[in-house]
Amino acid sequence: SRTTIYAITGGKMDGLHFDTLSKLIAGLESITGQTVEVG
């Protein structure tokens, strides 16, 4: 969700589900073309 993305990028989200983290990483890999690690 847009709300979740903007909360994360704005530093206003303290926790998340592993599914969300997985989607974040997949989305970043999609837009950058690079492998993204949790770190």
Full PDB file with SEQRES, HELIX, SHEET, SSBOND, CRYST1, ORIGX, SCALE, CONECT and MASTER records, all heavy atoms in Angstrom:
SEQRES   1 A   39  SER ARG THR THR ILE TYR ALA ILE THR GLY GLY LYS MET          
SEQRES   2 A   39  ASP GLY LEU HIS PHE ASP THR LEU SER LYS LEU ILE ALA          
SEQRES   3 A   39  GLY LEU GLU SER ILE THR GLY GLN THR VAL GLU VAL GLY          
HELIX    1 AA1 ARG A    2  THR A    9  1                                   8    
HELIX    2 AA2 PHE A   18  THR A   32  1                                  15    
CRYST1    1.000    1.000    1.000  90.00  90.00  90.00 P 1           1          
ORIGX1      1.000000  0.000000  0.000000        0.00000                         
ORIGX2      0.000000  1.000000  0.000000        0.00000                         
ORIGX3      0.000000  0.000000  1.000000        0.00000                         
SCALE1      1.000000  0.000000  0.000000        0.00000                         
SCALE2      0.000000  1.000000  0.000000        0.00000                         
SCALE3      0.000000  0.000000  1.000000        0.00000                         
ATOM      1  N   SER A   1       0.827  -1.212   0.000  1.00  0.00           N  
ATOM      2  CA  SER A   1       0.000   0.000   0.000  1.00  0.00           C  
ATOM      3  C   SER A   1       0.861   1.262   0.000  1.00  0.00           C  
ATOM      4  O   SER A   1       1.964   1.284   0.550  1.00  0.00           O  
ATOM      5  CB  SER A   1      -0.940   0.017   1.205  1.00  0.00           C  
ATOM      6  OG  SER A   1      -0.239   0.369   2.378  1.00  0.00           O  
ATOM      7  N   ARG A   2       0.335   2.279  -0.629  1.00  0.00           N  
ATOM      8  CA  ARG A   2       1.041   3.568  -0.692  1.00  0.00           C  
ATOM      9  C   ARG A   2       1.297   4.096   0.704  1.00  0.00           C  
ATOM     10  O   ARG A   2       2.374   4.621   1.000  1.00  0.00           O  
ATOM     11  CB  ARG A   2       0.209   4.562  -1.505  1.00  0.00           C  
ATOM     12  CG  ARG A   2       0.898   5.887  -1.703  1.00  0.00           C  
ATOM     13  CD  ARG A   2       0.066   6.793  -2.530  1.00  0.00           C  
ATOM     14  NE  ARG A   2      -1.159   7.091  -1.786  1.00  0.00           N  
ATOM     15  CZ  ARG A   2      -1.921   8.140  -1.993  1.00  0.00           C  
ATOM     16  NH1 ARG A   2      -1.621   8.983  -2.942  1.00  0.00           N  
ATOM     17  NH2 ARG A   2      -2.991   8.336  -1.290  1.00  0.00           N  
ATOM     18  N   THR A   3       0.315   3.956   1.584  1.00  0.00           N  
ATOM     19  CA  THR A   3       0.463   4.431   2.961  1.00  0.00           C  
ATOM     20  C   THR A   3       1.649   3.767   3.646  1.00  0.00           C  
ATOM     21  O   THR A   3       2.444   4.424   4.322  1.00  0.00           O  
ATOM     22  CB  THR A   3      -0.829   4.153   3.765  1.00  0.00           C  
ATOM     23  OG1 THR A   3      -1.918   4.783   3.093  1.00  0.00           O  
ATOM     24  CG2 THR A   3      -0.720   4.660   5.179  1.00  0.00           C  
ATOM     25  N   THR A   4       1.788   2.453   3.464  1.00  0.00           N  
ATOM     26  CA  THR A   4       2.893   1.722   4.083  1.00  0.00           C  
ATOM     27  C   THR A   4       4.231   2.149   3.507  1.00  0.00           C  
ATOM     28  O   THR A   4       5.190   2.379   4.260  1.00  0.00           O  
ATOM     29  CB  THR A   4       2.690   0.202   3.915  1.00  0.00           C  
ATOM     30  OG1 THR A   4       1.468  -0.171   4.555  1.00  0.00           O  
ATOM     31  CG2 THR A   4       3.847  -0.584   4.511  1.00  0.00           C  
ATOM     32  N   ILE A   5       4.327   2.292   2.207  1.00  0.00           N  
ATOM     33  CA  ILE A   5       5.589   2.720   1.572  1.00  0.00           C  
ATOM     34  C   ILE A   5       6.012   4.086   2.103  1.00  0.00           C  
ATOM     35  O   ILE A   5       7.168   4.288   2.484  1.00  0.00           O  
ATOM     36  CB  ILE A   5       5.468   2.758   0.032  1.00  0.00           C  
ATOM     37  CG1 ILE A   5       5.305   1.354  -0.525  1.00  0.00           C  
ATOM     38  CG2 ILE A   5       6.667   3.478  -0.600  1.00  0.00           C  
ATOM     39  CD1 ILE A   5       6.478   0.430  -0.345  1.00  0.00           C  
ATOM     40  N   TYR A   6       5.074   5.017   2.155  1.00  0.00           N  
ATOM     41  CA  TYR A   6       5.431   6.360   2.616  1.00  0.00           C  
ATOM     42  C   TYR A   6       5.707   6.389   4.121  1.00  0.00           C  
ATOM     43  O   TYR A   6       6.531   7.180   4.584  1.00  0.00           O  
ATOM     44  CB  TYR A   6       4.379   7.385   2.189  1.00  0.00           C  
ATOM     45  CG  TYR A   6       4.538   7.745   0.731  1.00  0.00           C  
ATOM     46  CD1 TYR A   6       3.839   7.059  -0.258  1.00  0.00           C  
ATOM     47  CD2 TYR A   6       5.430   8.728   0.326  1.00  0.00           C  
ATOM     48  CE1 TYR A   6       4.010   7.354  -1.601  1.00  0.00           C  
ATOM     49  CE2 TYR A   6       5.608   9.035  -1.010  1.00  0.00           C  
ATOM     50  CZ  TYR A   6       4.899   8.349  -1.966  1.00  0.00           C  
ATOM     51  OH  TYR A   6       5.084   8.652  -3.298  1.00  0.00           O  
ATOM     52  N   ALA A   7       5.092   5.521   4.895  1.00  0.00           N  
ATOM     53  CA  ALA A   7       5.399   5.423   6.325  1.00  0.00           C  
ATOM     54  C   ALA A   7       6.811   4.896   6.514  1.00  0.00           C  
ATOM     55  O   ALA A   7       7.578   5.402   7.353  1.00  0.00           O  
ATOM     56  CB  ALA A   7       4.390   4.517   7.034  1.00  0.00           C  
ATOM     57  N   ILE A   8       7.186   3.896   5.745  1.00  0.00           N  
ATOM     58  CA  ILE A   8       8.533   3.330   5.851  1.00  0.00           C  
ATOM     59  C   ILE A   8       9.577   4.349   5.416  1.00  0.00           C  
ATOM     60  O   ILE A   8      10.565   4.578   6.117  1.00  0.00           O  
ATOM     61  CB  ILE A   8       8.649   2.041   5.011  1.00  0.00           C  
ATOM     62  CG1 ILE A   8       7.815   0.925   5.642  1.00  0.00           C  
ATOM     63  CG2 ILE A   8      10.112   1.607   4.888  1.00  0.00           C  
ATOM     64  CD1 ILE A   8       7.666  -0.309   4.768  1.00  0.00           C  
ATOM     65  N   THR A   9       9.383   4.972   4.265  1.00  0.00           N  
ATOM     66  CA  THR A   9      10.383   5.916   3.766  1.00  0.00           C  
ATOM     67  C   THR A   9      10.423   7.190   4.611  1.00  0.00           C  
ATOM     68  O   THR A   9      11.439   7.878   4.630  1.00  0.00           O  
ATOM     69  CB  THR A   9      10.151   6.273   2.284  1.00  0.00           C  
ATOM     70  OG1 THR A   9       8.842   6.811   2.115  1.00  0.00           O  
ATOM     71  CG2 THR A   9      10.331   5.051   1.404  1.00  0.00           C  
ATOM     72  N   GLY A  10       9.341   7.469   5.324  1.00  0.00           N  
ATOM     73  CA  GLY A  10       9.313   8.639   6.203  1.00  0.00           C  
ATOM     74  C   GLY A  10       9.779   8.339   7.619  1.00  0.00           C  
ATOM     75  O   GLY A  10       9.762   9.211   8.482  1.00  0.00           O  
ATOM     76  N   GLY A  11      10.183   7.092   7.871  1.00  0.00           N  
ATOM     77  CA  GLY A  11      10.673   6.721   9.191  1.00  0.00           C  
ATOM     78  C   GLY A  11       9.585   6.620  10.242  1.00  0.00           C  
ATOM     79  O   GLY A  11       9.847   6.716  11.430  1.00  0.00           O  
ATOM     80  N   LYS A  12       8.348   6.409   9.806  1.00  0.00           N  
ATOM     81  CA  LYS A  12       7.231   6.381  10.746  1.00  0.00           C  
ATOM     82  C   LYS A  12       6.670   4.984  10.968  1.00  0.00           C  
ATOM     83  O   LYS A  12       5.613   4.836  11.541  1.00  0.00           O  
ATOM     84  CB  LYS A  12       6.136   7.310  10.246  1.00  0.00           C  
ATOM     85  CG  LYS A  12       6.575   8.750  10.236  1.00  0.00           C  
ATOM     86  CD  LYS A  12       5.474   9.663   9.769  1.00  0.00           C  
ATOM     87  CE  LYS A  12       5.876  11.083  10.010  1.00  0.00           C  
ATOM     88  NZ  LYS A  12       5.937  11.919   8.900  1.00  0.00           N  
ATOM     89  N   MET A  13       7.394   3.971  10.520  1.00  0.00           N  
ATOM     90  CA  MET A  13       6.917   2.605  10.693  1.00  0.00           C  
ATOM     91  C   MET A  13       7.977   1.809  11.445  1.00  0.00           C  
ATOM     92  O   MET A  13       9.117   1.712  10.999  1.00  0.00           O  
ATOM     93  CB  MET A  13       6.622   1.961   9.349  1.00  0.00           C  
ATOM     94  CG  MET A  13       6.025   0.593   9.456  1.00  0.00           C  
ATOM     95  SD  MET A  13       5.473   0.066   7.838  1.00  0.00           S  
ATOM     96  CE  MET A  13       4.136  -0.978   8.314  1.00  0.00           C  
ATOM     97  N   ASP A  14       7.585   1.255  12.583  1.00  0.00           N  
ATOM     98  CA  ASP A  14       8.537   0.554  13.431  1.00  0.00           C  
ATOM     99  C   ASP A  14       8.607  -0.943  13.173  1.00  0.00           C  
ATOM    100  O   ASP A  14       9.595  -1.576  13.495  1.00  0.00           O  
ATOM    101  CB  ASP A  14       8.191   0.774  14.909  1.00  0.00           C  
ATOM    102  CG  ASP A  14       8.396   2.210  15.325  1.00  0.00           C  
ATOM    103  OD1 ASP A  14       9.253   2.883  14.741  1.00  0.00           O  
ATOM    104  OD2 ASP A  14       7.684   2.654  16.231  1.00  0.00           O  
ATOM    105  N   GLY A  15       7.577  -1.538  12.631  1.00  0.00           N  
ATOM    106  CA  GLY A  15       7.574  -2.981  12.439  1.00  0.00           C  
ATOM    107  C   GLY A  15       6.906  -3.354  11.131  1.00  0.00           C  
ATOM    108  O   GLY A  15       6.345  -2.519  10.446  1.00  0.00           O  
ATOM    109  N   LEU A  16       7.002  -4.629  10.780  1.00  0.00           N  
ATOM    110  CA  LEU A  16       6.350  -5.118   9.587  1.00  0.00           C  
ATOM    111  C   LEU A  16       6.340  -6.635   9.592  1.00  0.00           C  
ATOM    112  O   LEU A  16       7.005  -7.264  10.400  1.00  0.00           O  
ATOM    113  CB  LEU A  16       7.035  -4.618   8.317  1.00  0.00           C  
ATOM    114  CG  LEU A  16       8.290  -5.372   7.874  1.00  0.00           C  
ATOM    115  CD1 LEU A  16       8.470  -5.170   6.393  1.00  0.00           C  
ATOM    116  CD2 LEU A  16       9.493  -4.884   8.610  1.00  0.00           C  
ATOM    117  N   HIS A  17       5.596  -7.195   8.680  1.00  0.00           N  
ATOM    118  CA  HIS A  17       5.538  -8.639   8.505  1.00  0.00           C  
ATOM    119  C   HIS A  17       6.619  -9.054   7.504  1.00  0.00           C  
ATOM    120  O   HIS A  17       7.005  -8.273   6.641  1.00  0.00           O  
ATOM    121  CB  HIS A  17       4.165  -9.054   7.968  1.00  0.00           C  
ATOM    122  CG  HIS A  17       3.058  -8.783   8.927  1.00  0.00           C  
ATOM    123  ND1 HIS A  17       2.708  -9.661   9.916  1.00  0.00           N  
ATOM    124  CD2 HIS A  17       2.236  -7.723   9.060  1.00  0.00           C  
ATOM    125  CE1 HIS A  17       1.711  -9.164  10.615  1.00  0.00           C  
ATOM    126  NE2 HIS A  17       1.398  -7.976  10.120  1.00  0.00           N  
ATOM    127  N   PHE A  18       7.059 -10.297   7.607  1.00  0.00           N  
ATOM    128  CA  PHE A  18       8.061 -10.794   6.668  1.00  0.00           C  
ATOM    129  C   PHE A  18       7.569 -10.718   5.231  1.00  0.00           C  
ATOM    130  O   PHE A  18       8.349 -10.459   4.310  1.00  0.00           O  
ATOM    131  CB  PHE A  18       8.471 -12.228   7.015  1.00  0.00           C  
ATOM    132  CG  PHE A  18       9.377 -12.308   8.200  1.00  0.00           C  
ATOM    133  CD1 PHE A  18       8.983 -13.007   9.324  1.00  0.00           C  
ATOM    134  CD2 PHE A  18      10.619 -11.697   8.207  1.00  0.00           C  
ATOM    135  CE1 PHE A  18       9.818 -13.089  10.433  1.00  0.00           C  
ATOM    136  CE2 PHE A  18      11.460 -11.768   9.298  1.00  0.00           C  
ATOM    137  CZ  PHE A  18      11.057 -12.477  10.417  1.00  0.00           C  
ATOM    138  N   ASP A  19       6.286 -10.918   5.022  1.00  0.00           N  
ATOM    139  CA  ASP A  19       5.718 -10.822   3.682  1.00  0.00           C  
ATOM    140  C   ASP A  19       5.924  -9.425   3.103  1.00  0.00           C  
ATOM    141  O   ASP A  19       6.259  -9.271   1.930  1.00  0.00           O  
ATOM    142  CB  ASP A  19       4.222 -11.173   3.720  1.00  0.00           C  
ATOM    143  CG  ASP A  19       3.595 -11.147   2.343  1.00  0.00           C  
ATOM    144  OD1 ASP A  19       4.104 -11.859   1.449  1.00  0.00           O  
ATOM    145  OD2 ASP A  19       2.606 -10.417   2.164  1.00  0.00           O  
ATOM    146  N   THR A  20       5.749  -8.417   3.931  1.00  0.00           N  
ATOM    147  CA  THR A  20       5.953  -7.031   3.486  1.00  0.00           C  
ATOM    148  C   THR A  20       7.416  -6.790   3.153  1.00  0.00           C  
ATOM    149  O   THR A  20       7.735  -6.171   2.140  1.00  0.00           O  
ATOM    150  CB  THR A  20       5.467  -6.042   4.561  1.00  0.00           C  
ATOM    151  OG1 THR A  20       4.099  -6.311   4.861  1.00  0.00           O  
ATOM    152  CG2 THR A  20       5.610  -4.598   4.097  1.00  0.00           C  
ATOM    153  N   LEU A  21       8.318  -7.292   3.990  1.00  0.00           N  
ATOM    154  CA  LEU A  21       9.746  -7.145   3.730  1.00  0.00           C  
ATOM    155  C   LEU A  21      10.114  -7.824   2.414  1.00  0.00           C  
ATOM    156  O   LEU A  21      10.865  -7.270   1.606  1.00  0.00           O  
ATOM    157  CB  LEU A  21      10.567  -7.724   4.881  1.00  0.00           C  
ATOM    158  CG  LEU A  21      12.080  -7.643   4.741  1.00  0.00           C  
ATOM    159  CD1 LEU A  21      12.557  -6.204   4.582  1.00  0.00           C  
ATOM    160  CD2 LEU A  21      12.742  -8.299   5.952  1.00  0.00           C  
ATOM    161  N   SER A  22       9.570  -8.989   2.180  1.00  0.00           N  
ATOM    162  CA  SER A  22       9.824  -9.710   0.936  1.00  0.00           C  
ATOM    163  C   SER A  22       9.338  -8.915  -0.274  1.00  0.00           C  
ATOM    164  O   SER A  22      10.038  -8.808  -1.294  1.00  0.00           O  
ATOM    165  CB  SER A  22       9.129 -11.075   0.991  1.00  0.00           C  
ATOM    166  OG  SER A  22       9.347 -11.792  -0.183  1.00  0.00           O  
ATOM    167  N   LYS A  23       8.157  -8.317  -0.176  1.00  0.00           N  
ATOM    168  CA  LYS A  23       7.628  -7.497  -1.265  1.00  0.00           C  
ATOM    169  C   LYS A  23       8.465  -6.238  -1.477  1.00  0.00           C  
ATOM    170  O   LYS A  23       8.673  -5.808  -2.617  1.00  0.00           O  
ATOM    171  CB  LYS A  23       6.175  -7.116  -0.990  1.00  0.00           C  
ATOM    172  CG  LYS A  23       5.210  -8.263  -1.141  1.00  0.00           C  
ATOM    173  CD  LYS A  23       3.796  -7.817  -0.833  1.00  0.00           C  
ATOM    174  CE  LYS A  23       2.815  -8.963  -0.950  1.00  0.00           C  
ATOM    175  NZ  LYS A  23       1.448  -8.534  -0.633  1.00  0.00           N  
ATOM    176  N   LEU A  24       8.940  -5.639  -0.375  1.00  0.00           N  
ATOM    177  CA  LEU A  24       9.807  -4.461  -0.481  1.00  0.00           C  
ATOM    178  C   LEU A  24      11.066  -4.803  -1.260  1.00  0.00           C  
ATOM    179  O   LEU A  24      11.471  -4.080  -2.168  1.00  0.00           O  
ATOM    180  CB  LEU A  24      10.211  -3.955   0.904  1.00  0.00           C  
ATOM    181  CG  LEU A  24       9.291  -3.002   1.615  1.00  0.00           C  
ATOM    182  CD1 LEU A  24       9.760  -2.791   3.047  1.00  0.00           C  
ATOM    183  CD2 LEU A  24       9.220  -1.682   0.883  1.00  0.00           C  
ATOM    184  N   ILE A  25      11.701  -5.910  -0.883  1.00  0.00           N  
ATOM    185  CA  ILE A  25      12.937  -6.308  -1.542  1.00  0.00           C  
ATOM    186  C   ILE A  25      12.685  -6.628  -3.008  1.00  0.00           C  
ATOM    187  O   ILE A  25      13.437  -6.196  -3.888  1.00  0.00           O  
ATOM    188  CB  ILE A  25      13.598  -7.481  -0.789  1.00  0.00           C  
ATOM    189  CG1 ILE A  25      14.154  -6.956   0.544  1.00  0.00           C  
ATOM    190  CG2 ILE A  25      14.690  -8.138  -1.628  1.00  0.00           C  
ATOM    191  CD1 ILE A  25      14.690  -8.022   1.476  1.00  0.00           C  
ATOM    192  N   ALA A  26      11.612  -7.353  -3.296  1.00  0.00           N  
ATOM    193  CA  ALA A  26      11.277  -7.671  -4.689  1.00  0.00           C  
ATOM    194  C   ALA A  26      11.014  -6.397  -5.492  1.00  0.00           C  
ATOM    195  O   ALA A  26      11.450  -6.276  -6.643  1.00  0.00           O  
ATOM    196  CB  ALA A  26      10.070  -8.597  -4.744  1.00  0.00           C  
ATOM    197  N   GLY A  27      10.313  -5.437  -4.889  1.00  0.00           N  
ATOM    198  CA  GLY A  27      10.042  -4.170  -5.568  1.00  0.00           C  
ATOM    199  C   GLY A  27      11.312  -3.391  -5.847  1.00  0.00           C  
ATOM    200  O   GLY A  27      11.494  -2.841  -6.942  1.00  0.00           O  
ATOM    201  N   LEU A  28      12.217  -3.352  -4.869  1.00  0.00           N  
ATOM    202  CA  LEU A  28      13.493  -2.660  -5.063  1.00  0.00           C  
ATOM    203  C   LEU A  28      14.318  -3.330  -6.151  1.00  0.00           C  
ATOM    204  O   LEU A  28      14.935  -2.653  -6.982  1.00  0.00           O  
ATOM    205  CB  LEU A  28      14.280  -2.604  -3.751  1.00  0.00           C  
ATOM    206  CG  LEU A  28      13.736  -1.658  -2.689  1.00  0.00           C  
ATOM    207  CD1 LEU A  28      14.424  -1.901  -1.351  1.00  0.00           C  
ATOM    208  CD2 LEU A  28      13.890  -0.209  -3.121  1.00  0.00           C  
ATOM    209  N   GLU A  29      14.334  -4.655  -6.152  1.00  0.00           N  
ATOM    210  CA  GLU A  29      15.071  -5.368  -7.191  1.00  0.00           C  
ATOM    211  C   GLU A  29      14.472  -5.087  -8.568  1.00  0.00           C  
ATOM    212  O   GLU A  29      15.203  -4.920  -9.548  1.00  0.00           O  
ATOM    213  CB  GLU A  29      15.089  -6.873  -6.894  1.00  0.00           C  
ATOM    214  CG  GLU A  29      15.973  -7.213  -5.721  1.00  0.00           C  
ATOM    215  CD  GLU A  29      16.023  -8.682  -5.366  1.00  0.00           C  
ATOM    216  OE1 GLU A  29      15.118  -9.449  -5.790  1.00  0.00           O  
ATOM    217  OE2 GLU A  29      16.976  -9.070  -4.674  1.00  0.00           O  
ATOM    218  N   SER A  30      13.161  -4.990  -8.626  1.00  0.00           N  
ATOM    219  CA  SER A  30      12.474  -4.712  -9.887  1.00  0.00           C  
ATOM    220  C   SER A  30      12.842  -3.340 -10.442  1.00  0.00           C  
ATOM    221  O   SER A  30      13.104  -3.199 -11.639  1.00  0.00           O  
ATOM    222  CB  SER A  30      10.966  -4.815  -9.678  1.00  0.00           C  
ATOM    223  OG  SER A  30      10.267  -4.430 -10.832  1.00  0.00           O  
ATOM    224  N   ILE A  31      12.869  -2.331  -9.588  1.00  0.00           N  
ATOM    225  CA  ILE A  31      13.117  -0.972 -10.090  1.00  0.00           C  
ATOM    226  C   ILE A  31      14.594  -0.633 -10.240  1.00  0.00           C  
ATOM    227  O   ILE A  31      14.937   0.289 -10.970  1.00  0.00           O  
ATOM    228  CB  ILE A  31      12.397   0.113  -9.249  1.00  0.00           C  
ATOM    229  CG1 ILE A  31      12.901   0.152  -7.813  1.00  0.00           C  
ATOM    230  CG2 ILE A  31      10.886  -0.074  -9.318  1.00  0.00           C  
ATOM    231  CD1 ILE A  31      12.312   1.279  -6.968  1.00  0.00           C  
ATOM    232  N   THR A  32      15.483  -1.378  -9.549  1.00  0.00           N  
ATOM    233  CA  THR A  32      16.920  -1.082  -9.667  1.00  0.00           C  
ATOM    234  C   THR A  32      17.658  -2.075 -10.553  1.00  0.00           C  
ATOM    235  O   THR A  32      18.754  -1.777 -11.014  1.00  0.00           O  
ATOM    236  CB  THR A  32      17.615  -1.067  -8.288  1.00  0.00           C  
ATOM    237  OG1 THR A  32      17.563  -2.383  -7.719  1.00  0.00           O  
ATOM    238  CG2 THR A  32      17.000  -0.035  -7.364  1.00  0.00           C  
ATOM    239  N   GLY A  33      17.081  -3.269 -10.738  1.00  0.00           N  
ATOM    240  CA  GLY A  33      17.770  -4.292 -11.510  1.00  0.00           C  
ATOM    241  C   GLY A  33      18.938  -4.908 -10.767  1.00  0.00           C  
ATOM    242  O   GLY A  33      19.788  -5.560 -11.360  1.00  0.00           O  
ATOM    243  N   GLN A  34      18.986  -4.689  -9.454  1.00  0.00           N  
ATOM    244  CA  GLN A  34      20.083  -5.202  -8.632  1.00  0.00           C  
ATOM    245  C   GLN A  34      19.541  -6.102  -7.535  1.00  0.00           C  
ATOM    246  O   GLN A  34      18.407  -5.946  -7.098  1.00  0.00           O  
ATOM    247  CB  GLN A  34      20.854  -4.043  -7.999  1.00  0.00           C  
ATOM    248  CG  GLN A  34      21.521  -3.151  -9.009  1.00  0.00           C  
ATOM    249  CD  GLN A  34      22.315  -2.029  -8.347  1.00  0.00           C  
ATOM    250  OE1 GLN A  34      22.407  -1.949  -7.136  1.00  0.00           O  
ATOM    251  NE2 GLN A  34      22.882  -1.165  -9.159  1.00  0.00           N  
ATOM    252  N   THR A  35      20.392  -7.019  -7.077  1.00  0.00           N  
ATOM    253  CA  THR A  35      20.041  -7.864  -5.947  1.00  0.00           C  
ATOM    254  C   THR A  35      20.047  -7.018  -4.687  1.00  0.00           C  
ATOM    255  O   THR A  35      20.965  -6.230  -4.472  1.00  0.00           O  
ATOM    256  CB  THR A  35      21.047  -9.023  -5.798  1.00  0.00           C  
ATOM    257  OG1 THR A  35      21.023  -9.794  -7.006  1.00  0.00           O  
ATOM    258  CG2 THR A  35      20.706  -9.909  -4.622  1.00  0.00           C  
ATOM    259  N   VAL A  36      19.020  -7.164  -3.873  1.00  0.00           N  
ATOM    260  CA  VAL A  36      18.900  -6.398  -2.635  1.00  0.00           C  
ATOM    261  C   VAL A  36      18.914  -7.380  -1.462  1.00  0.00           C  
ATOM    262  O   VAL A  36      18.192  -8.369  -1.470  1.00  0.00           O  
ATOM    263  CB  VAL A  36      17.588  -5.574  -2.616  1.00  0.00           C  
ATOM    264  CG1 VAL A  36      17.434  -4.821  -1.306  1.00  0.00           C  
ATOM    265  CG2 VAL A  36      17.543  -4.618  -3.795  1.00  0.00           C  
ATOM    266  N   GLU A  37      19.734  -7.098  -0.484  1.00  0.00           N  
ATOM    267  CA  GLU A  37      19.825  -7.909   0.729  1.00  0.00           C  
ATOM    268  C   GLU A  37      19.122  -7.176   1.869  1.00  0.00           C  
ATOM    269  O   GLU A  37      18.962  -5.949   1.829  1.00  0.00           O  
ATOM    270  CB  GLU A  37      21.291  -8.163   1.098  1.00  0.00           C  
ATOM    271  CG  GLU A  37      22.103  -8.844   0.009  1.00  0.00           C  
ATOM    272  CD  GLU A  37      21.650 -10.257  -0.303  1.00  0.00           C  
ATOM    273  OE1 GLU A  37      21.012 -10.893   0.567  1.00  0.00           O  
ATOM    274  OE2 GLU A  37      21.931 -10.730  -1.415  1.00  0.00           O  
ATOM    275  N   VAL A  38      18.740  -7.911   2.896  1.00  0.00           N  
ATOM    276  CA  VAL A  38      18.060  -7.311   4.045  1.00  0.00           C  
ATOM    277  C   VAL A  38      18.903  -6.173   4.638  1.00  0.00           C  
ATOM    278  O   VAL A  38      18.383  -5.113   4.993  1.00  0.00           O  
ATOM    279  CB  VAL A  38      17.737  -8.371   5.121  1.00  0.00           C  
ATOM    280  CG1 VAL A  38      17.197  -7.721   6.387  1.00  0.00           C  
ATOM    281  CG2 VAL A  38      16.754  -9.392   4.579  1.00  0.00           C  
ATOM    282  N   GLY A  39      20.208  -6.357   4.698  1.00  0.00           N  
ATOM    283  CA  GLY A  39      21.098  -5.326   5.236  1.00  0.00           C  
ATOM    284  C   GLY A  39      21.138  -4.056   4.412  1.00  0.00           C  
ATOM    285  O   GLY A  39      21.578  -3.010   4.886  1.00  0.00           O  
TER     286      GLY A  39                                                      
MASTER        0    0    0    2    0    0    0    6  285    1    0    3          
END                                                                             
